[in-house]
Protein backbone atom coordinates (compact mmCIF):
# COMPACT_ATOMS: atom_id res chain seq x y z
CA MET A 1 8.53 -28.58 23.15
CA ILE A 2 10.73 -27.62 20.21
CA LYS A 3 9.36 -29.27 17.08
CA HIS A 4 11.95 -29.31 14.33
CA PHE A 5 12.49 -32.97 13.46
CA LEU A 6 12.77 -33.58 9.73
CA ASP A 7 10.29 -35.64 7.77
CA SER A 8 11.65 -38.12 5.22
CA LYS A 9 11.50 -35.67 2.29
CA SER A 10 13.31 -33.01 4.31
CA VAL A 11 16.04 -35.48 5.26
CA ILE A 12 16.59 -36.29 1.59
CA ASN A 13 16.66 -32.58 0.75
CA ALA A 14 19.11 -31.87 3.57
CA ARG A 15 21.47 -34.59 2.35
CA HIS A 16 21.31 -33.24 -1.18
CA LYS A 17 22.01 -29.67 -0.04
CA ILE A 18 24.92 -30.76 2.16
CA TYR A 19 26.63 -33.39 0.04
CA ASN A 20 25.74 -32.45 -3.54
CA GLU A 21 24.95 -28.77 -3.70
CA ASP A 22 25.80 -26.12 -1.09
CA GLY A 23 27.80 -27.94 1.57
CA TYR A 24 25.28 -26.86 4.20
CA PHE A 25 21.59 -26.98 5.13
CA VAL A 26 19.63 -24.25 6.90
CA ILE A 27 16.59 -24.46 9.17
CA LYS A 28 15.25 -20.92 9.38
CA GLY A 29 13.79 -19.85 12.72
CA PHE A 30 15.07 -22.88 14.58
CA MET A 31 15.00 -20.72 17.71
CA THR A 32 12.04 -18.43 18.27
CA SER A 33 12.78 -14.71 18.29
CA LYS A 34 11.92 -14.51 21.98
CA ASP A 35 14.16 -17.46 22.87
CA ALA A 36 17.01 -16.03 20.80
CA GLU A 37 16.76 -12.61 22.44
CA GLU A 38 16.69 -14.03 25.96
CA THR A 39 19.51 -16.46 25.14
CA ILE A 40 21.70 -13.63 23.90
CA ASP A 41 21.04 -11.54 27.01
CA PHE A 42 21.97 -14.48 29.22
CA TRP A 43 25.21 -15.47 27.49
CA VAL A 44 26.64 -11.95 27.21
CA SER A 45 25.99 -11.33 30.92
CA ASP A 46 28.58 -11.88 33.64
CA ILE A 47 28.57 -15.70 33.81
CA GLY A 48 32.29 -16.45 33.50
CA ASP A 49 32.60 -17.68 37.09
CA GLU A 50 30.30 -20.60 36.25
CA PHE A 51 33.08 -22.17 34.15
CA ALA A 52 36.43 -23.72 34.95
CA GLY A 53 39.64 -22.78 33.19
CA PHE A 54 40.64 -24.01 29.74
CA VAL A 55 40.87 -27.76 29.09
CA LYS A 56 42.62 -29.17 26.02
CA ASN A 57 40.47 -31.29 23.71
CA THR A 58 42.75 -34.28 24.25
CA ASP A 59 42.24 -34.01 28.03
CA VAL A 60 38.44 -34.09 27.87
CA THR A 61 36.95 -37.24 29.38
CA SER A 62 33.67 -38.23 30.96
CA GLY A 63 33.16 -35.93 33.94
CA THR A 64 35.29 -33.02 32.68
CA PRO A 65 33.70 -29.81 33.99
CA LYS A 66 32.35 -27.09 31.74
CA TYR A 67 35.13 -24.66 30.93
CA LYS A 68 35.89 -21.41 29.15
CA TYR A 69 38.61 -19.67 27.24
CA ASN A 70 39.10 -16.11 26.04
CA ARG A 71 41.08 -15.38 22.92
CA PRO A 72 42.40 -13.37 21.25
CA THR A 73 41.02 -10.77 23.72
CA ASP A 74 39.22 -10.94 27.05
CA ARG A 75 35.98 -9.94 25.29
CA ASP A 76 36.15 -12.88 22.87
CA PHE A 77 34.88 -15.98 24.65
CA ALA A 78 34.01 -19.62 24.26
CA TYR A 79 31.88 -21.21 26.99
CA CYS A 80 32.06 -25.00 26.64
CA THR A 81 29.49 -27.37 28.16
CA HIS A 82 29.56 -31.16 27.84
CA ILE A 83 26.44 -33.26 27.65
CA TRP A 84 27.12 -34.65 31.15
CA ASN A 85 27.45 -31.20 32.77
CA GLU A 86 24.57 -29.57 34.59
CA PRO A 87 23.50 -26.84 32.15
CA ILE A 88 23.30 -23.24 33.27
CA ASP A 89 20.83 -22.52 30.45
CA GLU A 90 18.21 -25.28 30.17
CA ARG A 91 16.68 -23.71 27.06
CA MET A 92 19.94 -23.67 25.14
CA HIS A 93 20.64 -27.22 26.31
CA GLU A 94 17.34 -28.38 24.81
CA TYR A 95 17.97 -26.63 21.50
CA VAL A 96 21.39 -28.25 21.30
CA VAL A 97 20.03 -31.74 21.97
CA ILE A 98 17.37 -31.28 19.28
CA SER A 99 19.92 -29.96 16.79
CA ASN A 100 22.08 -33.01 17.41
CA MET A 101 19.08 -35.27 16.76
CA ILE A 102 18.57 -33.54 13.42
CA ARG A 103 22.23 -34.09 12.57
CA ASN A 104 21.76 -37.75 13.45
CA GLN A 105 18.72 -37.97 11.18
CA ILE A 106 20.80 -36.71 8.27
CA LEU A 107 23.64 -39.13 9.10
CA SER A 108 21.26 -42.09 9.61
CA LYS A 109 22.46 -42.52 13.18
CA PRO A 110 20.32 -43.27 16.25
CA LEU A 111 18.60 -40.09 17.38
CA TYR A 112 20.42 -40.01 20.72
CA PHE A 113 23.89 -40.75 19.33
CA ALA A 114 26.44 -38.53 21.14
CA ALA A 115 23.79 -37.49 23.69
CA HIS A 116 25.47 -39.86 26.18
CA GLU A 117 29.09 -40.94 26.38
CA ALA A 118 28.00 -44.60 26.31
CA THR A 119 27.55 -44.20 22.52
CA GLY A 120 31.32 -43.76 22.14
CA GLN A 121 30.99 -40.08 21.25
CA ALA A 122 29.64 -37.23 23.36
CA LEU A 123 28.61 -33.78 22.27
CA GLN A 124 29.90 -30.54 23.65
CA TYR A 125 28.36 -27.18 22.89
CA ARG A 126 30.38 -24.01 22.72
CA VAL A 127 28.79 -20.60 22.93
CA ASN A 128 31.26 -18.37 21.10
CA ARG A 129 31.39 -14.59 20.90
CA THR A 130 33.81 -12.94 18.50
CA VAL A 131 34.36 -9.20 18.60
CA SER A 132 37.91 -9.11 17.19
CA SER A 133 39.12 -8.38 13.69
CA ASP A 134 41.80 -11.08 14.01
CA ARG A 135 41.54 -14.47 12.34
CA VAL A 136 40.02 -16.06 15.44
CA VAL A 137 39.62 -19.47 13.80
CA LYS A 138 42.26 -20.06 11.15
CA LYS A 139 41.27 -21.46 7.77
CA HIS A 140 41.10 -25.25 8.01
CA ALA A 141 39.10 -28.32 7.06
CA ASP A 142 38.22 -31.01 9.61
CA TYR A 143 38.42 -34.76 9.00
CA PHE A 144 40.30 -33.98 5.80
CA SER A 145 43.75 -35.50 6.34
CA GLU A 146 45.08 -32.39 8.07
CA TYR A 147 47.24 -32.68 11.19
CA ARG A 148 45.58 -31.66 14.45
CA ALA A 149 47.66 -30.91 17.53
CA ASP A 150 44.59 -31.03 19.80
CA PRO A 151 41.85 -33.15 18.18
CA THR A 152 38.55 -34.17 19.77
CA GLY A 153 39.29 -37.80 18.83
CA SER A 154 40.12 -39.71 15.70
CA HIS A 155 40.76 -37.30 12.85
CA VAL A 156 40.89 -39.73 9.94
CA PHE A 157 39.51 -38.68 6.57
CA ASP A 158 35.71 -38.71 6.76
CA PRO A 159 33.87 -36.32 4.42
CA SER A 160 30.50 -37.41 5.84
CA ARG A 161 31.10 -35.69 9.21
CA LEU A 162 28.81 -32.75 9.99
CA GLU A 163 29.04 -29.76 12.30
CA ILE A 164 26.24 -27.66 13.77
CA THR A 165 26.09 -23.89 14.13
CA ILE A 166 23.18 -22.08 15.78
CA PHE A 167 23.44 -18.41 14.83
CA LEU A 168 22.63 -15.90 17.56
CA SER A 169 23.61 -12.74 15.66
CA ASP A 170 22.53 -10.87 12.56
CA TYR A 171 25.01 -9.60 10.00
CA ASP A 172 24.98 -5.79 9.73
CA LYS A 173 22.98 -5.57 12.97
CA ASP A 174 25.25 -7.24 15.54
CA TYR A 175 28.48 -7.43 13.53
CA THR A 176 29.82 -6.75 10.06
CA SER A 177 32.86 -7.09 7.75
CA GLY A 178 33.54 -10.79 8.32
CA GLY A 179 32.32 -13.70 10.42
CA PHE A 180 31.89 -17.32 9.36
CA CYS A 181 33.71 -17.74 6.04
CA PHE A 182 32.89 -20.93 4.12
CA TYR A 183 35.05 -22.00 1.18
CA LYS A 184 32.57 -24.28 -0.59
CA ASN A 185 34.42 -23.97 -3.92
CA GLY A 186 37.87 -24.78 -2.55
CA GLU A 187 40.52 -23.52 -0.15
CA ASN A 188 41.68 -20.73 -2.46
CA ALA A 189 38.28 -19.69 -3.79
CA LYS A 190 36.29 -16.66 -2.66
CA PRO A 191 34.40 -17.64 0.51
CA ILE A 192 30.73 -17.34 1.31
CA ILE A 193 30.29 -15.16 4.39
CA PHE A 194 27.21 -16.36 6.22
CA GLY A 195 24.66 -13.63 6.81
CA ARG A 196 26.15 -11.41 4.12
CA ASP A 197 26.03 -13.77 1.14
CA ASN A 198 23.08 -15.90 2.22
CA ALA A 199 19.94 -15.48 4.30
CA VAL A 200 21.27 -16.84 7.60
CA GLY A 201 20.84 -14.96 10.85
CA ARG A 202 19.75 -14.92 14.44
CA GLY A 203 17.91 -18.09 15.48
CA ASP A 204 18.83 -20.11 12.38
CA LEU A 205 20.34 -23.60 12.50
CA VAL A 206 23.02 -24.52 9.97
CA ILE A 207 24.32 -28.07 9.54
CA TRP A 208 27.43 -28.17 7.37
CA ARG A 209 30.22 -30.41 6.13
CA TYR A 210 33.25 -30.35 8.40
CA SER A 211 35.58 -31.19 5.49
CA ILE A 212 34.94 -27.89 3.69
CA PHE A 213 37.51 -25.21 4.49
CA HIS A 214 36.21 -22.57 6.87
CA GLU A 215 37.40 -19.81 9.19
CA VAL A 216 36.16 -17.04 11.48
CA SER A 217 37.85 -13.70 10.90
CA ASN A 218 37.63 -9.95 10.34
CA VAL A 219 34.68 -9.30 12.66
CA THR A 220 33.66 -5.73 13.43
CA PRO A 221 31.15 -5.71 16.30
CA ILE A 222 28.09 -3.48 16.23
CA SER A 223 26.14 -4.71 19.26
CA GLU A 224 27.20 -6.27 22.55
CA ALA A 225 26.54 -9.70 21.02
CA GLY A 226 29.08 -9.26 18.23
CA PHE A 227 29.30 -12.49 16.24
CA LEU A 228 27.59 -14.87 18.69
CA ARG A 229 26.92 -18.49 17.79
CA VAL A 230 26.86 -22.02 19.18
CA ILE A 231 28.80 -24.92 17.70
CA VAL A 232 28.31 -28.55 18.66
CA PRO A 233 31.39 -30.74 18.18
CA THR A 234 31.54 -34.35 19.34
CA PHE A 235 34.33 -35.98 21.31
CA ASP A 236 35.47 -39.60 21.20
CA ILE A 237 34.89 -40.89 24.72
CA TYR A 238 36.28 -44.27 25.75
CA SER A 239 35.14 -45.93 28.98
């Protein structure tokens, strides 16, 4: 059993780090080294046939199959699994569910919020590999009064919303140059590049404010993993 729930002092510290200080909170070693290694080997293997073709966010509803997309190249992928899909990696599924519970602790929501579509929101987890130098995810801020052509639900201003990233790569070991760029001091400020400018790497969990500008760009791969990570957005699901 993965044991990473936060005690009350840690919840208070996480809220302070996220909302008053850094814009993010890190749990080091969220995944064990062994689990991380085996997870990487699995997700960079030939598993594409397990996933359907691309589905727009606005077309996702209860029962939508797990799907994939490749962009900007065939080697850059996103494998997307909804909470109602049968997982192809039970271990990753468990880590995702636990990470969502930790997010819910910080947000003062029921632990299983978004773990079933009956709550009104349902989580999806996306295993993403980036090996391209392009701006794979353009600079943007979520839930920050920006137009979205393909939102996962209501996109009204809500600076409390949090996203999850589980890092499966190490900077300067699996990739270099760029990666996850986080503009904590404003859209036009110099970004923090995770792994280069802070001690975040393979197996670490980061919970961060959606409304801070961020992008993924300028990745130079070193290993087969490249910049590999898991994000856990939630979708508004109406029965």
